[in-house]
Amino acid sequence: GGVGLIACQWAKALGVTMIGTVGSDEKGALAKAH
């Protein structure tokens, strides 16, 4: 989601391992790409 994609990037920048939940494989690929 909107908050989620920002969180994915911010977590990566902080060196945090983020486990994210999504509602479809397509959304999962989007989250991983971020």
ModelCIF file with pLDDT and N, C-alpha, C, O atoms, coordinates in Angstrom:
data_MODEL
#
_entry.id   MODEL 
#
_entity.id                         1 
_entity.type                       polymer 
_entity.pdbx_number_of_molecules   1 
#
_entity_poly.entity_id                      1 
_entity_poly.type                           'polypeptide(L)' 
_entity_poly.nstd_linkage                   no 
_entity_poly.nstd_monomer                   no 
_entity_poly.pdbx_seq_one_letter_code       GGVGLIACQWAKALGVTMIGTVGSDEKGALAKAH 
_entity_poly.pdbx_seq_one_letter_code_can   GGVGLIACQWAKALGVTMIGTVGSDEKGALAKAH 
_entity_poly.pdbx_strand_id                 A 
#
loop_
_entity_poly_seq.entity_id 
_entity_poly_seq.num 
_entity_poly_seq.mon_id 
_entity_poly_seq.hetero 
1 1  GLY n 
1 2  GLY n 
1 3  VAL n 
1 4  GLY n 
1 5  LEU n 
1 6  ILE n 
1 7  ALA n 
1 8  CYS n 
1 9  GLN n 
1 10 TRP n 
1 11 ALA n 
1 12 LYS n 
1 13 ALA n 
1 14 LEU n 
1 15 GLY n 
1 16 VAL n 
1 17 THR n 
1 18 MET n 
1 19 ILE n 
1 20 GLY n 
1 21 THR n 
1 22 VAL n 
1 23 GLY n 
1 24 SER n 
1 25 ASP n 
1 26 GLU n 
1 27 LYS n 
1 28 GLY n 
1 29 ALA n 
1 30 LEU n 
1 31 ALA n 
1 32 LYS n 
1 33 ALA n 
1 34 HIS n 
#
_struct_asym.id          A 
_struct_asym.entity_id   1 
#
loop_
_ma_qa_metric.id 
_ma_qa_metric.mode 
_ma_qa_metric.name 
_ma_qa_metric.software_group_id 
_ma_qa_metric.type 
1 global pLDDT . pLDDT 
2 local  pLDDT . pLDDT 
#
_ma_qa_metric_global.metric_id      1 
_ma_qa_metric_global.metric_value   94.74 
_ma_qa_metric_global.model_id       1 
_ma_qa_metric_global.ordinal_id     1 
#
loop_
_ma_qa_metric_local.label_asym_id 
_ma_qa_metric_local.label_comp_id 
_ma_qa_metric_local.label_seq_id 
_ma_qa_metric_local.metric_id 
_ma_qa_metric_local.metric_value 
_ma_qa_metric_local.model_id 
_ma_qa_metric_local.ordinal_id 
A GLY 1  2 87.00 1 1  
A GLY 2  2 86.00 1 2  
A VAL 3  2 91.00 1 3  
A GLY 4  2 93.00 1 4  
A LEU 5  2 93.00 1 5  
A ILE 6  2 94.00 1 6  
A ALA 7  2 97.00 1 7  
A CYS 8  2 97.00 1 8  
A GLN 9  2 97.00 1 9  
A TRP 10 2 98.00 1 10 
A ALA 11 2 98.00 1 11 
A LYS 12 2 97.00 1 12 
A ALA 13 2 97.00 1 13 
A LEU 14 2 97.00 1 14 
A GLY 15 2 97.00 1 15 
A VAL 16 2 98.00 1 16 
A THR 17 2 98.00 1 17 
A MET 18 2 98.00 1 18 
A ILE 19 2 98.00 1 19 
A GLY 20 2 97.00 1 20 
A THR 21 2 96.00 1 21 
A VAL 22 2 94.00 1 22 
A GLY 23 2 90.00 1 23 
A SER 24 2 92.00 1 24 
A ASP 25 2 93.00 1 25 
A GLU 26 2 92.00 1 26 
A LYS 27 2 92.00 1 27 
A GLY 28 2 95.00 1 28 
A ALA 29 2 95.00 1 29 
A LEU 30 2 93.00 1 30 
A ALA 31 2 95.00 1 31 
A LYS 32 2 96.00 1 32 
A ALA 33 2 95.00 1 33 
A HIS 34 2 95.00 1 34 
#
loop_
_atom_site.group_PDB 
_atom_site.id 
_atom_site.type_symbol 
_atom_site.label_atom_id 
_atom_site.label_alt_id 
_atom_site.label_comp_id 
_atom_site.label_asym_id 
_atom_site.label_entity_id 
_atom_site.label_seq_id 
_atom_site.pdbx_PDB_ins_code 
_atom_site.Cartn_x 
_atom_site.Cartn_y 
_atom_site.Cartn_z 
_atom_site.occupancy 
_atom_site.B_iso_or_equiv 
_atom_site.pdbx_formal_charge 
_atom_site.auth_seq_id 
_atom_site.auth_comp_id 
_atom_site.auth_asym_id 
_atom_site.auth_atom_id 
_atom_site.pdbx_PDB_model_num 
ATOM 1   N N  . GLY A 1 1  ? 0.816  -1.204  0.000  1.00 87.00 ? 1  GLY A N  1 
ATOM 2   C CA . GLY A 1 1  ? 0.000  0.000   0.000  1.00 87.00 ? 1  GLY A CA 1 
ATOM 3   C C  . GLY A 1 1  ? 0.850  1.253   0.000  1.00 87.00 ? 1  GLY A C  1 
ATOM 4   O O  . GLY A 1 1  ? 2.075  1.186   -0.098 1.00 87.00 ? 1  GLY A O  1 
ATOM 5   N N  . GLY A 1 2  ? 0.194  2.392   0.110  1.00 86.00 ? 2  GLY A N  1 
ATOM 6   C CA . GLY A 1 2  ? 0.936  3.651   0.090  1.00 86.00 ? 2  GLY A CA 1 
ATOM 7   C C  . GLY A 1 2  ? 1.913  3.769   1.239  1.00 86.00 ? 2  GLY A C  1 
ATOM 8   O O  . GLY A 1 2  ? 3.079  4.102   1.025  1.00 86.00 ? 2  GLY A O  1 
ATOM 9   N N  . VAL A 1 3  ? 1.464  3.506   2.446  1.00 91.00 ? 3  VAL A N  1 
ATOM 10  C CA . VAL A 1 3  ? 2.355  3.512   3.607  1.00 91.00 ? 3  VAL A CA 1 
ATOM 11  C C  . VAL A 1 3  ? 3.363  2.377   3.482  1.00 91.00 ? 3  VAL A C  1 
ATOM 12  O O  . VAL A 1 3  ? 4.545  2.548   3.781  1.00 91.00 ? 3  VAL A O  1 
ATOM 13  N N  . GLY A 1 4  ? 2.887  1.219   3.039  1.00 93.00 ? 4  GLY A N  1 
ATOM 14  C CA . GLY A 1 4  ? 3.733  0.032   2.971  1.00 93.00 ? 4  GLY A CA 1 
ATOM 15  C C  . GLY A 1 4  ? 4.939  0.178   2.063  1.00 93.00 ? 4  GLY A C  1 
ATOM 16  O O  . GLY A 1 4  ? 6.043  -0.220  2.434  1.00 93.00 ? 4  GLY A O  1 
ATOM 17  N N  . LEU A 1 5  ? 4.744  0.748   0.865  1.00 93.00 ? 5  LEU A N  1 
ATOM 18  C CA . LEU A 1 5  ? 5.874  0.872   -0.058 1.00 93.00 ? 5  LEU A CA 1 
ATOM 19  C C  . LEU A 1 5  ? 6.912  1.862   0.454  1.00 93.00 ? 5  LEU A C  1 
ATOM 20  O O  . LEU A 1 5  ? 8.108  1.693   0.217  1.00 93.00 ? 5  LEU A O  1 
ATOM 21  N N  . ILE A 1 6  ? 6.455  2.892   1.155  1.00 94.00 ? 6  ILE A N  1 
ATOM 22  C CA . ILE A 1 6  ? 7.419  3.799   1.784  1.00 94.00 ? 6  ILE A CA 1 
ATOM 23  C C  . ILE A 1 6  ? 8.145  3.072   2.907  1.00 94.00 ? 6  ILE A C  1 
ATOM 24  O O  . ILE A 1 6  ? 9.354  3.229   3.074  1.00 94.00 ? 6  ILE A O  1 
ATOM 25  N N  . ALA A 1 7  ? 7.404  2.271   3.680  1.00 97.00 ? 7  ALA A N  1 
ATOM 26  C CA . ALA A 1 7  ? 8.018  1.522   4.779  1.00 97.00 ? 7  ALA A CA 1 
ATOM 27  C C  . ALA A 1 7  ? 9.051  0.527   4.272  1.00 97.00 ? 7  ALA A C  1 
ATOM 28  O O  . ALA A 1 7  ? 10.104 0.362   4.888  1.00 97.00 ? 7  ALA A O  1 
ATOM 29  N N  . CYS A 1 8  ? 8.763  -0.142  3.148  1.00 97.00 ? 8  CYS A N  1 
ATOM 30  C CA . CYS A 1 8  ? 9.727  -1.090  2.571  1.00 97.00 ? 8  CYS A CA 1 
ATOM 31  C C  . CYS A 1 8  ? 11.063 -0.409  2.320  1.00 97.00 ? 8  CYS A C  1 
ATOM 32  O O  . CYS A 1 8  ? 12.116 -0.941  2.673  1.00 97.00 ? 8  CYS A O  1 
ATOM 33  N N  . GLN A 1 9  ? 11.016 0.766   1.710  1.00 97.00 ? 9  GLN A N  1 
ATOM 34  C CA . GLN A 1 9  ? 12.245 1.481   1.357  1.00 97.00 ? 9  GLN A CA 1 
ATOM 35  C C  . GLN A 1 9  ? 12.950 2.037   2.588  1.00 97.00 ? 9  GLN A C  1 
ATOM 36  O O  . GLN A 1 9  ? 14.175 1.987   2.689  1.00 97.00 ? 9  GLN A O  1 
ATOM 37  N N  . TRP A 1 10 ? 12.173 2.561   3.513  1.00 98.00 ? 10 TRP A N  1 
ATOM 38  C CA . TRP A 1 10 ? 12.758 3.160   4.720  1.00 98.00 ? 10 TRP A CA 1 
ATOM 39  C C  . TRP A 1 10 ? 13.407 2.070   5.573  1.00 98.00 ? 10 TRP A C  1 
ATOM 40  O O  . TRP A 1 10 ? 14.491 2.270   6.123  1.00 98.00 ? 10 TRP A O  1 
ATOM 41  N N  . ALA A 1 11 ? 12.742 0.919   5.682  1.00 98.00 ? 11 ALA A N  1 
ATOM 42  C CA . ALA A 1 11 ? 13.310 -0.187  6.449  1.00 98.00 ? 11 ALA A CA 1 
ATOM 43  C C  . ALA A 1 11 ? 14.641 -0.640  5.842  1.00 98.00 ? 11 ALA A C  1 
ATOM 44  O O  . ALA A 1 11 ? 15.612 -0.883  6.560  1.00 98.00 ? 11 ALA A O  1 
ATOM 45  N N  . LYS A 1 12 ? 14.671 -0.748  4.521  1.00 97.00 ? 12 LYS A N  1 
ATOM 46  C CA . LYS A 1 12 ? 15.915 -1.148  3.845  1.00 97.00 ? 12 LYS A CA 1 
ATOM 47  C C  . LYS A 1 12 ? 17.023 -0.141  4.122  1.00 97.00 ? 12 LYS A C  1 
ATOM 48  O O  . LYS A 1 12 ? 18.164 -0.522  4.383  1.00 97.00 ? 12 LYS A O  1 
ATOM 49  N N  . ALA A 1 13 ? 16.685 1.147   4.066  1.00 97.00 ? 13 ALA A N  1 
ATOM 50  C CA . ALA A 1 13 ? 17.687 2.183   4.317  1.00 97.00 ? 13 ALA A CA 1 
ATOM 51  C C  . ALA A 1 13 ? 18.226 2.121   5.740  1.00 97.00 ? 13 ALA A C  1 
ATOM 52  O O  . ALA A 1 13 ? 19.379 2.475   5.987  1.00 97.00 ? 13 ALA A O  1 
ATOM 53  N N  . LEU A 1 14 ? 17.392 1.668   6.680  1.00 97.00 ? 14 LEU A N  1 
ATOM 54  C CA . LEU A 1 14 ? 17.810 1.568   8.083  1.00 97.00 ? 14 LEU A CA 1 
ATOM 55  C C  . LEU A 1 14 ? 18.535 0.265   8.394  1.00 97.00 ? 14 LEU A C  1 
ATOM 56  O O  . LEU A 1 14 ? 19.067 0.100   9.492  1.00 97.00 ? 14 LEU A O  1 
ATOM 57  N N  . GLY A 1 15 ? 18.561 -0.662  7.436  1.00 97.00 ? 15 GLY A N  1 
ATOM 58  C CA . GLY A 1 15 ? 19.183 -1.956  7.689  1.00 97.00 ? 15 GLY A CA 1 
ATOM 59  C C  . GLY A 1 15 ? 18.292 -2.890  8.483  1.00 97.00 ? 15 GLY A C  1 
ATOM 60  O O  . GLY A 1 15 ? 18.777 -3.718  9.255  1.00 97.00 ? 15 GLY A O  1 
ATOM 61  N N  . VAL A 1 16 ? 16.977 -2.754  8.290  1.00 98.00 ? 16 VAL A N  1 
ATOM 62  C CA . VAL A 1 16 ? 15.990 -3.564  9.007  1.00 98.00 ? 16 VAL A CA 1 
ATOM 63  C C  . VAL A 1 16 ? 15.474 -4.667  8.100  1.00 98.00 ? 16 VAL A C  1 
ATOM 64  O O  . VAL A 1 16 ? 15.217 -4.429  6.920  1.00 98.00 ? 16 VAL A O  1 
ATOM 65  N N  . THR A 1 17 ? 15.320 -5.869  8.636  1.00 98.00 ? 17 THR A N  1 
ATOM 66  C CA . THR A 1 17 ? 14.709 -6.977  7.897  1.00 98.00 ? 17 THR A CA 1 
ATOM 67  C C  . THR A 1 17 ? 13.197 -6.843  8.023  1.00 98.00 ? 17 THR A C  1 
ATOM 68  O O  . THR A 1 17 ? 12.651 -6.967  9.119  1.00 98.00 ? 17 THR A O  1 
ATOM 69  N N  . MET A 1 18 ? 12.524 -6.593  6.913  1.00 98.00 ? 18 MET A N  1 
ATOM 70  C CA . MET A 1 18 ? 11.077 -6.380  6.947  1.00 98.00 ? 18 MET A CA 1 
ATOM 71  C C  . MET A 1 18 ? 10.353 -7.581  6.368  1.00 98.00 ? 18 MET A C  1 
ATOM 72  O O  . MET A 1 18 ? 10.608 -7.988  5.235  1.00 98.00 ? 18 MET A O  1 
ATOM 73  N N  . ILE A 1 19 ? 9.442  -8.146  7.160  1.00 98.00 ? 19 ILE A N  1 
ATOM 74  C CA . ILE A 1 19 ? 8.515  -9.163  6.687  1.00 98.00 ? 19 ILE A CA 1 
ATOM 75  C C  . ILE A 1 19 ? 7.207  -8.437  6.393  1.00 98.00 ? 19 ILE A C  1 
ATOM 76  O O  . ILE A 1 19 ? 6.618  -7.836  7.292  1.00 98.00 ? 19 ILE A O  1 
ATOM 77  N N  . GLY A 1 20 ? 6.748  -8.486  5.149  1.00 97.00 ? 20 GLY A N  1 
ATOM 78  C CA . GLY A 1 20 ? 5.559  -7.755  4.768  1.00 97.00 ? 20 GLY A CA 1 
ATOM 79  C C  . GLY A 1 20 ? 4.448  -8.682  4.319  1.00 97.00 ? 20 GLY A C  1 
ATOM 80  O O  . GLY A 1 20 ? 4.701  -9.656  3.610  1.00 97.00 ? 20 GLY A O  1 
ATOM 81  N N  . THR A 1 21 ? 3.213  -8.389  4.725  1.00 96.00 ? 21 THR A N  1 
ATOM 82  C CA . THR A 1 21 ? 2.080  -9.169  4.233  1.00 96.00 ? 21 THR A CA 1 
ATOM 83  C C  . THR A 1 21 ? 1.418  -8.425  3.080  1.00 96.00 ? 21 THR A C  1 
ATOM 84  O O  . THR A 1 21 ? 1.386  -7.194  3.056  1.00 96.00 ? 21 THR A O  1 
ATOM 85  N N  . VAL A 1 22 ? 0.889  -9.188  2.123  1.00 94.00 ? 22 VAL A N  1 
ATOM 86  C CA . VAL A 1 22 ? 0.229  -8.650  0.938  1.00 94.00 ? 22 VAL A CA 1 
ATOM 87  C C  . VAL A 1 22 ? -0.960 -9.538  0.599  1.00 94.00 ? 22 VAL A C  1 
ATOM 88  O O  . VAL A 1 22 ? -1.118 -10.625 1.154  1.00 94.00 ? 22 VAL A O  1 
ATOM 89  N N  . GLY A 1 23 ? -1.801 -9.057  -0.329 1.00 90.00 ? 23 GLY A N  1 
ATOM 90  C CA . GLY A 1 23 ? -2.986 -9.814  -0.688 1.00 90.00 ? 23 GLY A CA 1 
ATOM 91  C C  . GLY A 1 23 ? -2.904 -10.561 -1.992 1.00 90.00 ? 23 GLY A C  1 
ATOM 92  O O  . GLY A 1 23 ? -3.856 -11.244 -2.371 1.00 90.00 ? 23 GLY A O  1 
ATOM 93  N N  . SER A 1 24 ? -1.770 -10.450 -2.704 1.00 92.00 ? 24 SER A N  1 
ATOM 94  C CA . SER A 1 24 ? -1.608 -11.160 -3.974 1.00 92.00 ? 24 SER A CA 1 
ATOM 95  C C  . SER A 1 24 ? -0.127 -11.305 -4.281 1.00 92.00 ? 24 SER A C  1 
ATOM 96  O O  . SER A 1 24 ? 0.710  -10.602 -3.716 1.00 92.00 ? 24 SER A O  1 
ATOM 97  N N  . ASP A 1 25 ? 0.183  -12.227 -5.185 1.00 93.00 ? 25 ASP A N  1 
ATOM 98  C CA . ASP A 1 25 ? 1.581  -12.410 -5.572 1.00 93.00 ? 25 ASP A CA 1 
ATOM 99  C C  . ASP A 1 25 ? 2.117  -11.178 -6.292 1.00 93.00 ? 25 ASP A C  1 
ATOM 100 O O  . ASP A 1 25 ? 3.292  -10.835 -6.162 1.00 93.00 ? 25 ASP A O  1 
ATOM 101 N N  . GLU A 1 26 ? 1.239  -10.509 -7.058 1.00 92.00 ? 26 GLU A N  1 
ATOM 102 C CA . GLU A 1 26 ? 1.667  -9.295  -7.756 1.00 92.00 ? 26 GLU A CA 1 
ATOM 103 C C  . GLU A 1 26 ? 2.064  -8.210  -6.765 1.00 92.00 ? 26 GLU A C  1 
ATOM 104 O O  . GLU A 1 26 ? 3.065  -7.520  -6.956 1.00 92.00 ? 26 GLU A O  1 
ATOM 105 N N  . LYS A 1 27 ? 1.277  -8.063  -5.712 1.00 92.00 ? 27 LYS A N  1 
ATOM 106 C CA . LYS A 1 27 ? 1.614  -7.070  -4.696 1.00 92.00 ? 27 LYS A CA 1 
ATOM 107 C C  . LYS A 1 27 ? 2.868  -7.483  -3.934 1.00 92.00 ? 27 LYS A C  1 
ATOM 108 O O  . LYS A 1 27 ? 3.639  -6.633  -3.490 1.00 92.00 ? 27 LYS A O  1 
ATOM 109 N N  . GLY A 1 28 ? 3.069  -8.786  -3.786 1.00 95.00 ? 28 GLY A N  1 
ATOM 110 C CA . GLY A 1 28 ? 4.287  -9.260  -3.137 1.00 95.00 ? 28 GLY A CA 1 
ATOM 111 C C  . GLY A 1 28 ? 5.519  -8.899  -3.932 1.00 95.00 ? 28 GLY A C  1 
ATOM 112 O O  . GLY A 1 28 ? 6.533  -8.489  -3.368 1.00 95.00 ? 28 GLY A O  1 
ATOM 113 N N  . ALA A 1 29 ? 5.435  -9.052  -5.253 1.00 95.00 ? 29 ALA A N  1 
ATOM 114 C CA . ALA A 1 29 ? 6.566  -8.692  -6.115 1.00 95.00 ? 29 ALA A CA 1 
ATOM 115 C C  . ALA A 1 29 ? 6.847  -7.194  -6.030 1.00 95.00 ? 29 ALA A C  1 
ATOM 116 O O  . ALA A 1 29 ? 8.003  -6.771  -6.049 1.00 95.00 ? 29 ALA A O  1 
ATOM 117 N N  . LEU A 1 30 ? 5.790  -6.400  -5.936 1.00 93.00 ? 30 LEU A N  1 
ATOM 118 C CA . LEU A 1 30 ? 5.961  -4.947  -5.828 1.00 93.00 ? 30 LEU A CA 1 
ATOM 119 C C  . LEU A 1 30 ? 6.655  -4.587  -4.519 1.00 93.00 ? 30 LEU A C  1 
ATOM 120 O O  . LEU A 1 30 ? 7.568  -3.761  -4.506 1.00 93.00 ? 30 LEU A O  1 
ATOM 121 N N  . ALA A 1 31 ? 6.228  -5.200  -3.422 1.00 95.00 ? 31 ALA A N  1 
ATOM 122 C CA . ALA A 1 31 ? 6.851  -4.919  -2.131 1.00 95.00 ? 31 ALA A CA 1 
ATOM 123 C C  . ALA A 1 31 ? 8.325  -5.321  -2.127 1.00 95.00 ? 31 ALA A C  1 
ATOM 124 O O  . ALA A 1 31 ? 9.171  -4.581  -1.625 1.00 95.00 ? 31 ALA A O  1 
ATOM 125 N N  . LYS A 1 32 ? 8.630  -6.486  -2.685 1.00 96.00 ? 32 LYS A N  1 
ATOM 126 C CA . LYS A 1 32 ? 10.032 -6.937  -2.726 1.00 96.00 ? 32 LYS A CA 1 
ATOM 127 C C  . LYS A 1 32 ? 10.876 -5.992  -3.573 1.00 96.00 ? 32 LYS A C  1 
ATOM 128 O O  . LYS A 1 32 ? 12.028 -5.710  -3.243 1.00 96.00 ? 32 LYS A O  1 
ATOM 129 N N  . ALA A 1 33 ? 10.293 -5.503  -4.672 1.00 95.00 ? 33 ALA A N  1 
ATOM 130 C CA . ALA A 1 33 ? 11.031 -4.587  -5.537 1.00 95.00 ? 33 ALA A CA 1 
ATOM 131 C C  . ALA A 1 33 ? 11.366 -3.277  -4.822 1.00 95.00 ? 33 ALA A C  1 
ATOM 132 O O  . ALA A 1 33 ? 12.280 -2.559  -5.227 1.00 95.00 ? 33 ALA A O  1 
ATOM 133 N N  . HIS A 1 34 ? 10.628 -2.973  -3.768 1.00 95.00 ? 34 HIS A N  1 
ATOM 134 C CA . HIS A 1 34 ? 10.870 -1.740  -3.016 1.00 95.00 ? 34 HIS A CA 1 
ATOM 135 C C  . HIS A 1 34 ? 11.670 -1.983  -1.739 1.00 95.00 ? 34 HIS A C  1 
ATOM 136 O O  . HIS A 1 34 ? 11.953 -1.040  -1.000 1.00 95.00 ? 34 HIS A O  1 
#
